[in-house]
Amino acid sequence: VDIYDDRFLIARPLLQVLKAPEKRVLLVDEIDRSDHEFEALLLEFLSDFQISIPERGTIRAKAQPIVILTSNRTRELAEALRRRCVYHWITYPDAEREAAIIMLRAGDVAEATARAVASAVHDIRARPLAKPPG
């Protein structure tokens, strides 16, 4: 039995995107929480839209995917990885919009409470903290 046969290869999202016959979107959420080995794998994937699997060879994308990486900035990403990405910062909503979101998502919270929470979080975010709240 060949343990490197396709029936023993689990097709996770990265491999699914590579094998897809049409263009797909791949979301890699919180890339900053991944280990350096995964980052190295992702470098090859983003450079050539392929991955190399020992004893299996190289699997190339049938259609070039769109890849979106998200980060919470818990650690710096490798420079080589950052060079392969377009960086886009999504800013926080203002306190009024955030209060509206709180009321929508929290259900029966009072408007005054939602405004107070949003205002407090907005004030904390304005401070020069090492890890501001999300």
C-alpha atoms as a PDB file:
ATOM      1  CA  VAL A   1       0.000   0.000   0.000  1.00  0.00           C
ATOM      2  CA  ASP A   2       1.333   3.407  -1.005  1.00  0.00           C
ATOM      3  CA  ILE A   3       0.723   5.658   2.002  1.00  0.00           C
ATOM      4  CA  TYR A   4       1.302   8.692  -0.247  1.00  0.00           C
ATOM      5  CA  ASP A   5      -1.642   7.777  -2.476  1.00  0.00           C
ATOM      6  CA  ASP A   6      -4.393  10.395  -3.016  1.00  0.00           C
ATOM      7  CA  ARG A   7      -6.826   8.438  -0.845  1.00  0.00           C
ATOM      8  CA  PHE A   8      -4.675   9.218   2.205  1.00  0.00           C
ATOM      9  CA  LEU A   9      -4.185  12.905   1.418  1.00  0.00           C
ATOM     10  CA  ILE A  10      -6.675  15.062   3.302  1.00  0.00           C
ATOM     11  CA  ALA A  11      -7.719  17.950   1.075  1.00  0.00           C
ATOM     12  CA  ARG A  12      -7.804  20.925   3.438  1.00  0.00           C
ATOM     13  CA  PRO A  13      -8.715  24.420   2.132  1.00  0.00           C
ATOM     14  CA  LEU A  14      -5.260  25.190   0.686  1.00  0.00           C
ATOM     15  CA  LEU A  15      -5.223  21.991  -1.339  1.00  0.00           C
ATOM     16  CA  GLN A  16      -8.894  22.376  -2.298  1.00  0.00           C
ATOM     17  CA  VAL A  17      -8.138  25.807  -3.775  1.00  0.00           C
ATOM     18  CA  LEU A  18      -5.184  24.446  -5.738  1.00  0.00           C
ATOM     19  CA  LYS A  19      -7.200  21.574  -7.184  1.00  0.00           C
ATOM     20  CA  ALA A  20     -10.287  23.659  -8.024  1.00  0.00           C
ATOM     21  CA  PRO A  21     -10.892  23.922 -11.786  1.00  0.00           C
ATOM     22  CA  GLU A  22     -12.129  27.514 -11.488  1.00  0.00           C
ATOM     23  CA  LYS A  23     -10.885  30.586  -9.595  1.00  0.00           C
ATOM     24  CA  ARG A  24     -11.620  30.429  -5.859  1.00  0.00           C
ATOM     25  CA  VAL A  25     -11.191  32.720  -2.870  1.00  0.00           C
ATOM     26  CA  LEU A  26      -9.118  31.494   0.067  1.00  0.00           C
ATOM     27  CA  LEU A  27      -9.390  33.254   3.433  1.00  0.00           C
ATOM     28  CA  VAL A  28      -6.498  32.662   5.832  1.00  0.00           C
ATOM     29  CA  ASP A  29      -7.778  34.169   9.070  1.00  0.00           C
ATOM     30  CA  GLU A  30      -5.386  35.403  11.776  1.00  0.00           C
ATOM     31  CA  ILE A  31      -2.199  34.561   9.879  1.00  0.00           C
ATOM     32  CA  ASP A  32      -0.212  36.115  12.726  1.00  0.00           C
ATOM     33  CA  ARG A  33      -1.286  33.207  14.955  1.00  0.00           C
ATOM     34  CA  SER A  34       0.177  30.596  12.599  1.00  0.00           C
ATOM     35  CA  ASP A  35       3.588  29.026  13.097  1.00  0.00           C
ATOM     36  CA  HIS A  36       6.658  29.775  10.994  1.00  0.00           C
ATOM     37  CA  GLU A  37       6.363  26.462   9.126  1.00  0.00           C
ATOM     38  CA  PHE A  38       2.919  27.384   7.839  1.00  0.00           C
ATOM     39  CA  GLU A  39       4.211  30.836   6.911  1.00  0.00           C
ATOM     40  CA  ALA A  40       6.966  29.158   4.866  1.00  0.00           C
ATOM     41  CA  LEU A  41       4.385  26.973   3.104  1.00  0.00           C
ATOM     42  CA  LEU A  42       2.283  30.050   2.418  1.00  0.00           C
ATOM     43  CA  LEU A  43       5.293  31.808   0.863  1.00  0.00           C
ATOM     44  CA  GLU A  44       5.550  29.128  -1.807  1.00  0.00           C
ATOM     45  CA  PHE A  45       1.796  29.164  -2.279  1.00  0.00           C
ATOM     46  CA  LEU A  46       1.650  32.951  -2.758  1.00  0.00           C
ATOM     47  CA  SER A  47       4.774  33.096  -4.942  1.00  0.00           C
ATOM     48  CA  ASP A  48       3.932  30.364  -7.420  1.00  0.00           C
ATOM     49  CA  PHE A  49       0.404  29.221  -6.496  1.00  0.00           C
ATOM     50  CA  GLN A  50       1.722  25.777  -5.766  1.00  0.00           C
ATOM     51  CA  ILE A  51       2.800  23.666  -2.806  1.00  0.00           C
ATOM     52  CA  SER A  52       5.456  20.990  -2.594  1.00  0.00           C
ATOM     53  CA  ILE A  53       4.675  17.876  -0.596  1.00  0.00           C
ATOM     54  CA  PRO A  54       7.601  15.564   0.180  1.00  0.00           C
ATOM     55  CA  GLU A  55       7.154  12.141  -1.446  1.00  0.00           C
ATOM     56  CA  ARG A  56       4.260  13.581  -3.509  1.00  0.00           C
ATOM     57  CA  GLY A  57       5.819  16.336  -5.576  1.00  0.00           C
ATOM     58  CA  THR A  58       4.465  19.742  -6.481  1.00  0.00           C
ATOM     59  CA  ILE A  59       0.770  20.521  -6.788  1.00  0.00           C
ATOM     60  CA  ARG A  60       0.078  23.589  -8.937  1.00  0.00           C
ATOM     61  CA  ALA A  61      -3.104  25.640  -9.019  1.00  0.00           C
ATOM     62  CA  LYS A  62      -5.417  24.887 -11.924  1.00  0.00           C
ATOM     63  CA  ALA A  63      -6.749  28.459 -11.640  1.00  0.00           C
ATOM     64  CA  GLN A  64      -4.991  31.289  -9.801  1.00  0.00           C
ATOM     65  CA  PRO A  65      -6.918  31.896  -6.560  1.00  0.00           C
ATOM     66  CA  ILE A  66      -7.660  35.147  -4.787  1.00  0.00           C
ATOM     67  CA  VAL A  67      -6.076  34.937  -1.327  1.00  0.00           C
ATOM     68  CA  ILE A  68      -7.095  37.121   1.618  1.00  0.00           C
ATOM     69  CA  LEU A  69      -5.023  37.109   4.808  1.00  0.00           C
ATOM     70  CA  THR A  70      -6.256  38.678   8.029  1.00  0.00           C
ATOM     71  CA  SER A  71      -4.141  39.622  11.019  1.00  0.00           C
ATOM     72  CA  ASN A  72      -4.734  40.889  14.533  1.00  0.00           C
ATOM     73  CA  ARG A  73      -1.148  42.143  14.689  1.00  0.00           C
ATOM     74  CA  THR A  74      -0.233  39.825  17.582  1.00  0.00           C
ATOM     75  CA  ARG A  75       3.206  39.402  15.979  1.00  0.00           C
ATOM     76  CA  GLU A  76       5.127  40.727  13.003  1.00  0.00           C
ATOM     77  CA  LEU A  77       4.841  38.667   9.848  1.00  0.00           C
ATOM     78  CA  ALA A  78       7.970  37.731   7.926  1.00  0.00           C
ATOM     79  CA  GLU A  79       9.135  40.420   5.512  1.00  0.00           C
ATOM     80  CA  ALA A  80       9.049  37.929   2.618  1.00  0.00           C
ATOM     81  CA  LEU A  81       5.370  37.232   3.319  1.00  0.00           C
ATOM     82  CA  ARG A  82       4.500  40.928   3.648  1.00  0.00           C
ATOM     83  CA  ARG A  83       6.120  41.640   0.257  1.00  0.00           C
ATOM     84  CA  ARG A  84       3.659  39.264  -1.391  1.00  0.00           C
ATOM     85  CA  CYS A  85       0.606  41.014   0.033  1.00  0.00           C
ATOM     86  CA  VAL A  86      -1.310  44.221  -0.489  1.00  0.00           C
ATOM     87  CA  TYR A  87      -1.899  45.767   2.931  1.00  0.00           C
ATOM     88  CA  HIS A  88      -5.271  47.318   3.729  1.00  0.00           C
ATOM     89  CA  TRP A  89      -6.149  48.582   7.206  1.00  0.00           C
ATOM     90  CA  ILE A  90      -9.817  48.588   8.145  1.00  0.00           C
ATOM     91  CA  THR A  91     -10.348  51.242  10.762  1.00  0.00           C
ATOM     92  CA  TYR A  92     -12.673  50.955  13.718  1.00  0.00           C
ATOM     93  CA  PRO A  93     -16.107  52.579  13.492  1.00  0.00           C
ATOM     94  CA  ASP A  94     -16.678  55.823  15.356  1.00  0.00           C
ATOM     95  CA  ALA A  95     -18.230  55.604  18.841  1.00  0.00           C
ATOM     96  CA  GLU A  96     -21.748  56.339  17.585  1.00  0.00           C
ATOM     97  CA  ARG A  97     -21.634  53.588  14.951  1.00  0.00           C
ATOM     98  CA  GLU A  98     -20.098  51.196  17.458  1.00  0.00           C
ATOM     99  CA  ALA A  99     -22.937  51.894  19.918  1.00  0.00           C
ATOM    100  CA  ALA A 100     -25.433  51.071  17.157  1.00  0.00           C
ATOM    101  CA  ILE A 101     -23.588  47.801  16.478  1.00  0.00           C
ATOM    102  CA  ILE A 102     -23.651  46.939  20.195  1.00  0.00           C
ATOM    103  CA  MET A 103     -27.407  47.545  20.370  1.00  0.00           C
ATOM    104  CA  LEU A 104     -27.973  45.457  17.242  1.00  0.00           C
ATOM    105  CA  ARG A 105     -25.834  42.514  18.359  1.00  0.00           C
ATOM    106  CA  ALA A 106     -26.472  42.565  22.144  1.00  0.00           C
ATOM    107  CA  GLY A 107     -30.231  42.670  21.839  1.00  0.00           C
ATOM    108  CA  ASP A 108     -31.833  44.177  24.916  1.00  0.00           C
ATOM    109  CA  VAL A 109     -28.977  46.445  26.054  1.00  0.00           C
ATOM    110  CA  ALA A 110     -30.034  50.005  26.885  1.00  0.00           C
ATOM    111  CA  GLU A 111     -28.947  52.715  24.453  1.00  0.00           C
ATOM    112  CA  ALA A 112     -27.194  54.645  27.242  1.00  0.00           C
ATOM    113  CA  THR A 113     -25.216  51.536  28.196  1.00  0.00           C
ATOM    114  CA  ALA A 114     -24.243  50.839  24.583  1.00  0.00           C
ATOM    115  CA  ARG A 115     -23.082  54.447  24.164  1.00  0.00           C
ATOM    116  CA  ALA A 116     -21.092  54.310  27.423  1.00  0.00           C
ATOM    117  CA  VAL A 117     -19.357  51.065  26.426  1.00  0.00           C
ATOM    118  CA  ALA A 118     -18.598  52.331  22.908  1.00  0.00           C
ATOM    119  CA  SER A 119     -17.278  55.612  24.278  1.00  0.00           C
ATOM    120  CA  ALA A 120     -15.053  53.870  26.841  1.00  0.00           C
ATOM    121  CA  VAL A 121     -13.597  51.490  24.239  1.00  0.00           C
ATOM    122  CA  HIS A 122     -13.076  54.401  21.826  1.00  0.00           C
ATOM    123  CA  ASP A 123     -11.180  56.315  24.548  1.00  0.00           C
ATOM    124  CA  ILE A 124      -9.011  53.284  25.378  1.00  0.00           C
ATOM    125  CA  ARG A 125      -8.165  52.756  21.691  1.00  0.00           C
ATOM    126  CA  ALA A 126      -6.953  56.365  21.502  1.00  0.00           C
ATOM    127  CA  ARG A 127      -4.298  55.685  24.163  1.00  0.00           C
ATOM    128  CA  PRO A 128      -0.802  54.504  23.195  1.00  0.00           C
ATOM    129  CA  LEU A 129      -1.267  50.911  24.375  1.00  0.00           C
ATOM    130  CA  ALA A 130       0.869  47.976  23.240  1.00  0.00           C
ATOM    131  CA  LYS A 131      -2.295  45.930  22.591  1.00  0.00           C
ATOM    132  CA  PRO A 132      -5.389  48.114  22.216  1.00  0.00           C
ATOM    133  CA  PRO A 133      -8.793  46.399  22.476  1.00  0.00           C
ATOM    134  CA  GLY A 134     -10.386  45.053  19.278  1.00  0.00           C
END
